[in-house]
Amino acid sequence: MKSRCMGDRAAADDNPMKLMSIAMKPLCAPPFPLDYIEEMTALMGGDGRMR
C-alpha cells in the first residue's frame, strides 16, 4: 500500500514566521551532534574534512 502525505496549503491568515519556525525545527535539532560530523565522516572512510 502506498502512503501519500497530504497537507493543506498555507492560508492567507497563516503567520509566515510561525510556519518557518515549525519548518526549521528539524534543522535546529538534528538527531546527532553536529560537532561530531567530521569524526563520523572519517570513521565511515571519508577524509573527515568539512571545508
PDB file of N, CA and C in Angstrom:
ATOM      1  N   MET A   1       0.847  -1.170   0.000  1.00  0.00           N
ATOM      2  CA  MET A   1       0.000   0.000   0.000  1.00  0.00           C
ATOM      3  C   MET A   1       0.898   1.241   0.000  1.00  0.00           C
ATOM      4  N   LYS A   2       0.626   2.135  -0.909  1.00  0.00           N
ATOM      5  CA  LYS A   2       1.377   3.383  -0.965  1.00  0.00           C
ATOM      6  C   LYS A   2       0.745   4.392  -0.029  1.00  0.00           C
ATOM      7  N   SER A   3       1.598   5.117   0.672  1.00  0.00           N
ATOM      8  CA  SER A   3       1.081   6.191   1.519  1.00  0.00           C
ATOM      9  C   SER A   3       1.485   7.523   0.901  1.00  0.00           C
ATOM     10  N   ARG A   4       0.652   8.479   1.053  1.00  0.00           N
ATOM     11  CA  ARG A   4       0.904   9.779   0.464  1.00  0.00           C
ATOM     12  C   ARG A   4       0.671  10.845   1.515  1.00  0.00           C
ATOM     13  N   CYS A   5       1.597  11.766   1.611  1.00  0.00           N
ATOM     14  CA  CYS A   5       1.470  12.857   2.568  1.00  0.00           C
ATOM     15  C   CYS A   5       0.577  13.935   1.962  1.00  0.00           C
ATOM     16  N   MET A   6      -0.491  14.196   2.625  1.00  0.00           N
ATOM     17  CA  MET A   6      -1.417  15.219   2.150  1.00  0.00           C
ATOM     18  C   MET A   6      -1.390  16.373   3.150  1.00  0.00           C
ATOM     19  N   GLY A   7      -1.447  17.555   2.666  1.00  0.00           N
ATOM     20  CA  GLY A   7      -1.457  18.715   3.550  1.00  0.00           C
ATOM     21  C   GLY A   7      -2.245  19.847   2.934  1.00  0.00           C
ATOM     22  N   ASP A   8      -2.633  20.747   3.772  1.00  0.00           N
ATOM     23  CA  ASP A   8      -3.360  21.911   3.301  1.00  0.00           C
ATOM     24  C   ASP A   8      -2.364  22.977   2.867  1.00  0.00           C
ATOM     25  N   ARG A   9      -2.778  23.787   1.948  1.00  0.00           N
ATOM     26  CA  ARG A   9      -1.943  24.891   1.529  1.00  0.00           C
ATOM     27  C   ARG A   9      -1.966  25.970   2.606  1.00  0.00           C
ATOM     28  N   ALA A  10      -0.970  26.823   2.582  1.00  0.00           N
ATOM     29  CA  ALA A  10      -0.932  27.932   3.546  1.00  0.00           C
ATOM     30  C   ALA A  10      -2.075  28.894   3.235  1.00  0.00           C
ATOM     31  N   ALA A  11      -2.774  29.294   4.253  1.00  0.00           N
ATOM     32  CA  ALA A  11      -3.882  30.230   4.095  1.00  0.00           C
ATOM     33  C   ALA A  11      -3.373  31.660   4.215  1.00  0.00           C
ATOM     34  N   ALA A  12      -4.174  32.594   3.775  1.00  0.00           N
ATOM     35  CA  ALA A  12      -3.784  33.998   3.808  1.00  0.00           C
ATOM     36  C   ALA A  12      -3.574  34.505   5.226  1.00  0.00           C
ATOM     37  N   ASP A  13      -4.264  33.904   6.194  1.00  0.00           N
ATOM     38  CA  ASP A  13      -4.128  34.379   7.564  1.00  0.00           C
ATOM     39  C   ASP A  13      -3.068  33.611   8.363  1.00  0.00           C
ATOM     40  N   ASP A  14      -2.339  32.688   7.710  1.00  0.00           N
ATOM     41  CA  ASP A  14      -1.262  31.969   8.399  1.00  0.00           C
ATOM     42  C   ASP A  14      -0.068  32.898   8.596  1.00  0.00           C
ATOM     43  N   ASN A  15       0.568  32.763   9.734  1.00  0.00           N
ATOM     44  CA  ASN A  15       1.731  33.585  10.056  1.00  0.00           C
ATOM     45  C   ASN A  15       2.967  32.953   9.409  1.00  0.00           C
ATOM     46  N   PRO A  16       3.588  33.614   8.409  1.00  0.00           N
ATOM     47  CA  PRO A  16       4.737  33.025   7.720  1.00  0.00           C
ATOM     48  C   PRO A  16       5.925  32.765   8.650  1.00  0.00           C
ATOM     49  N   MET A  17       6.134  33.624   9.646  1.00  0.00           N
ATOM     50  CA  MET A  17       7.245  33.407  10.576  1.00  0.00           C
ATOM     51  C   MET A  17       7.010  32.156  11.424  1.00  0.00           C
ATOM     52  N   LYS A  18       5.779  31.932  11.837  1.00  0.00           N
ATOM     53  CA  LYS A  18       5.453  30.746  12.617  1.00  0.00           C
ATOM     54  C   LYS A  18       5.620  29.487  11.757  1.00  0.00           C
ATOM     55  N   LEU A  19       5.180  29.545  10.506  1.00  0.00           N
ATOM     56  CA  LEU A  19       5.347  28.402   9.608  1.00  0.00           C
ATOM     57  C   LEU A  19       6.823  28.083   9.386  1.00  0.00           C
ATOM     58  N   MET A  20       7.642  29.122   9.223  1.00  0.00           N
ATOM     59  CA  MET A  20       9.080  28.893   9.028  1.00  0.00           C
ATOM     60  C   MET A  20       9.722  28.338  10.286  1.00  0.00           C
ATOM     61  N   SER A  21       9.287  28.781  11.461  1.00  0.00           N
ATOM     62  CA  SER A  21       9.868  28.263  12.699  1.00  0.00           C
ATOM     63  C   SER A  21       9.528  26.782  12.865  1.00  0.00           C
ATOM     64  N   ILE A  22       8.333  26.388  12.450  1.00  0.00           N
ATOM     65  CA  ILE A  22       7.956  24.972  12.510  1.00  0.00           C
ATOM     66  C   ILE A  22       8.792  24.173  11.510  1.00  0.00           C
ATOM     67  N   ALA A  23       8.989  24.722  10.315  1.00  0.00           N
ATOM     68  CA  ALA A  23       9.753  24.022   9.287  1.00  0.00           C
ATOM     69  C   ALA A  23      11.227  23.895   9.662  1.00  0.00           C
ATOM     70  N   MET A  24      11.779  24.842  10.420  1.00  0.00           N
ATOM     71  CA  MET A  24      13.196  24.846  10.761  1.00  0.00           C
ATOM     72  C   MET A  24      13.540  23.984  11.967  1.00  0.00           C
ATOM     73  N   LYS A  25      12.556  23.562  12.746  1.00  0.00           N
ATOM     74  CA  LYS A  25      12.845  22.797  13.953  1.00  0.00           C
ATOM     75  C   LYS A  25      13.697  21.553  13.710  1.00  0.00           C
ATOM     76  N   PRO A  26      13.422  20.739  12.683  1.00  0.00           N
ATOM     77  CA  PRO A  26      14.281  19.571  12.464  1.00  0.00           C
ATOM     78  C   PRO A  26      15.727  19.940  12.135  1.00  0.00           C
ATOM     79  N   LEU A  27      15.938  21.081  11.483  1.00  0.00           N
ATOM     80  CA  LEU A  27      17.299  21.509  11.154  1.00  0.00           C
ATOM     81  C   LEU A  27      18.035  22.037  12.371  1.00  0.00           C
ATOM     82  N   CYS A  28      17.299  22.584  13.322  1.00  0.00           N
ATOM     83  CA  CYS A  28      17.910  23.152  14.523  1.00  0.00           C
ATOM     84  C   CYS A  28      18.208  22.091  15.574  1.00  0.00           C
ATOM     85  N   ALA A  29      17.562  20.956  15.485  1.00  0.00           N
ATOM     86  CA  ALA A  29      17.769  19.885  16.462  1.00  0.00           C
ATOM     87  C   ALA A  29      17.960  18.559  15.733  1.00  0.00           C
ATOM     88  N   PRO A  30      19.121  18.383  15.058  1.00  0.00           N
ATOM     89  CA  PRO A  30      19.348  17.135  14.330  1.00  0.00           C
ATOM     90  C   PRO A  30      19.459  15.951  15.292  1.00  0.00           C
ATOM     91  N   PRO A  31      19.270  14.733  14.787  1.00  0.00           N
ATOM     92  CA  PRO A  31      19.294  13.549  15.657  1.00  0.00           C
ATOM     93  C   PRO A  31      20.690  13.138  16.109  1.00  0.00           C
ATOM     94  N   PHE A  32      21.711  13.890  15.732  1.00  0.00           N
ATOM     95  CA  PHE A  32      23.086  13.609  16.139  1.00  0.00           C
ATOM     96  C   PHE A  32      23.791  14.941  16.368  1.00  0.00           C
ATOM     97  N   PRO A  33      24.826  14.940  17.213  1.00  0.00           N
ATOM     98  CA  PRO A  33      25.540  16.201  17.489  1.00  0.00           C
ATOM     99  C   PRO A  33      26.353  16.652  16.273  1.00  0.00           C
ATOM    100  N   LEU A  34      26.158  17.888  15.863  1.00  0.00           N
ATOM    101  CA  LEU A  34      26.865  18.409  14.695  1.00  0.00           C
ATOM    102  C   LEU A  34      28.368  18.491  14.906  1.00  0.00           C
ATOM    103  N   ASP A  35      28.803  18.564  16.168  1.00  0.00           N
ATOM    104  CA  ASP A  35      30.232  18.640  16.456  1.00  0.00           C
ATOM    105  C   ASP A  35      30.980  17.396  16.002  1.00  0.00           C
ATOM    106  N   TYR A  36      30.283  16.290  15.843  1.00  0.00           N
ATOM    107  CA  TYR A  36      30.936  15.024  15.530  1.00  0.00           C
ATOM    108  C   TYR A  36      30.828  14.619  14.063  1.00  0.00           C
ATOM    109  N   ILE A  37      30.383  15.517  13.190  1.00  0.00           N
ATOM    110  CA  ILE A  37      30.241  15.176  11.778  1.00  0.00           C
ATOM    111  C   ILE A  37      31.592  14.801  11.169  1.00  0.00           C
ATOM    112  N   GLU A  38      32.621  15.589  11.437  1.00  0.00           N
ATOM    113  CA  GLU A  38      33.941  15.290  10.876  1.00  0.00           C
ATOM    114  C   GLU A  38      34.438  13.936  11.371  1.00  0.00           C
ATOM    115  N   GLU A  39      34.262  13.657  12.656  1.00  0.00           N
ATOM    116  CA  GLU A  39      34.706  12.378  13.217  1.00  0.00           C
ATOM    117  C   GLU A  39      33.927  11.213  12.607  1.00  0.00           C
ATOM    118  N   MET A  40      32.620  11.359  12.462  1.00  0.00           N
ATOM    119  CA  MET A  40      31.807  10.287  11.886  1.00  0.00           C
ATOM    120  C   MET A  40      32.169  10.054  10.425  1.00  0.00           C
ATOM    121  N   THR A  41      32.436  11.139   9.681  1.00  0.00           N
ATOM    122  CA  THR A  41      32.824  11.008   8.282  1.00  0.00           C
ATOM    123  C   THR A  41      34.138  10.245   8.158  1.00  0.00           C
ATOM    124  N   ALA A  42      35.085  10.547   9.020  1.00  0.00           N
ATOM    125  CA  ALA A  42      36.367   9.846   8.997  1.00  0.00           C
ATOM    126  C   ALA A  42      36.189   8.374   9.332  1.00  0.00           C
ATOM    127  N   LEU A  43      35.332   8.067  10.285  1.00  0.00           N
ATOM    128  CA  LEU A  43      35.090   6.669  10.649  1.00  0.00           C
ATOM    129  C   LEU A  43      34.421   5.902   9.520  1.00  0.00           C
ATOM    130  N   MET A  44      33.667   6.588   8.685  1.00  0.00           N
ATOM    131  CA  MET A  44      32.982   5.919   7.577  1.00  0.00           C
ATOM    132  C   MET A  44      33.855   5.850   6.325  1.00  0.00           C
ATOM    133  N   GLY A  45      35.100   6.284   6.417  1.00  0.00           N
ATOM    134  CA  GLY A  45      36.019   6.150   5.296  1.00  0.00           C
ATOM    135  C   GLY A  45      36.241   7.415   4.504  1.00  0.00           C
ATOM    136  N   GLY A  46      35.619   8.526   4.887  1.00  0.00           N
ATOM    137  CA  GLY A  46      35.849   9.787   4.208  1.00  0.00           C
ATOM    138  C   GLY A  46      37.076  10.473   4.771  1.00  0.00           C
ATOM    139  N   ASP A  47      37.402  11.632   4.240  1.00  0.00           N
ATOM    140  CA  ASP A  47      38.576  12.324   4.751  1.00  0.00           C
ATOM    141  C   ASP A  47      38.281  13.102   6.015  1.00  0.00           C
ATOM    142  N   GLY A  48      37.001  13.264   6.368  1.00  0.00           N
ATOM    143  CA  GLY A  48      36.643  13.899   7.626  1.00  0.00           C
ATOM    144  C   GLY A  48      36.636  15.402   7.616  1.00  0.00           C
ATOM    145  N   ARG A  49      37.002  15.998   6.472  1.00  0.00           N
ATOM    146  CA  ARG A  49      37.044  17.460   6.406  1.00  0.00           C
ATOM    147  C   ARG A  49      35.713  18.001   5.926  1.00  0.00           C
ATOM    148  N   MET A  50      35.271  19.123   6.520  1.00  0.00           N
ATOM    149  CA  MET A  50      34.038  19.769   6.093  1.00  0.00           C
ATOM    150  C   MET A  50      34.313  20.973   5.203  1.00  0.00           C
ATOM    151  N   ARG A  51      35.561  21.371   5.096  1.00  0.00           N
ATOM    152  CA  ARG A  51      35.898  22.568   4.322  1.00  0.00           C
ATOM    153  C   ARG A  51      36.429  22.196   2.970  1.00  0.00           C
TER     154      ARG A  51
END
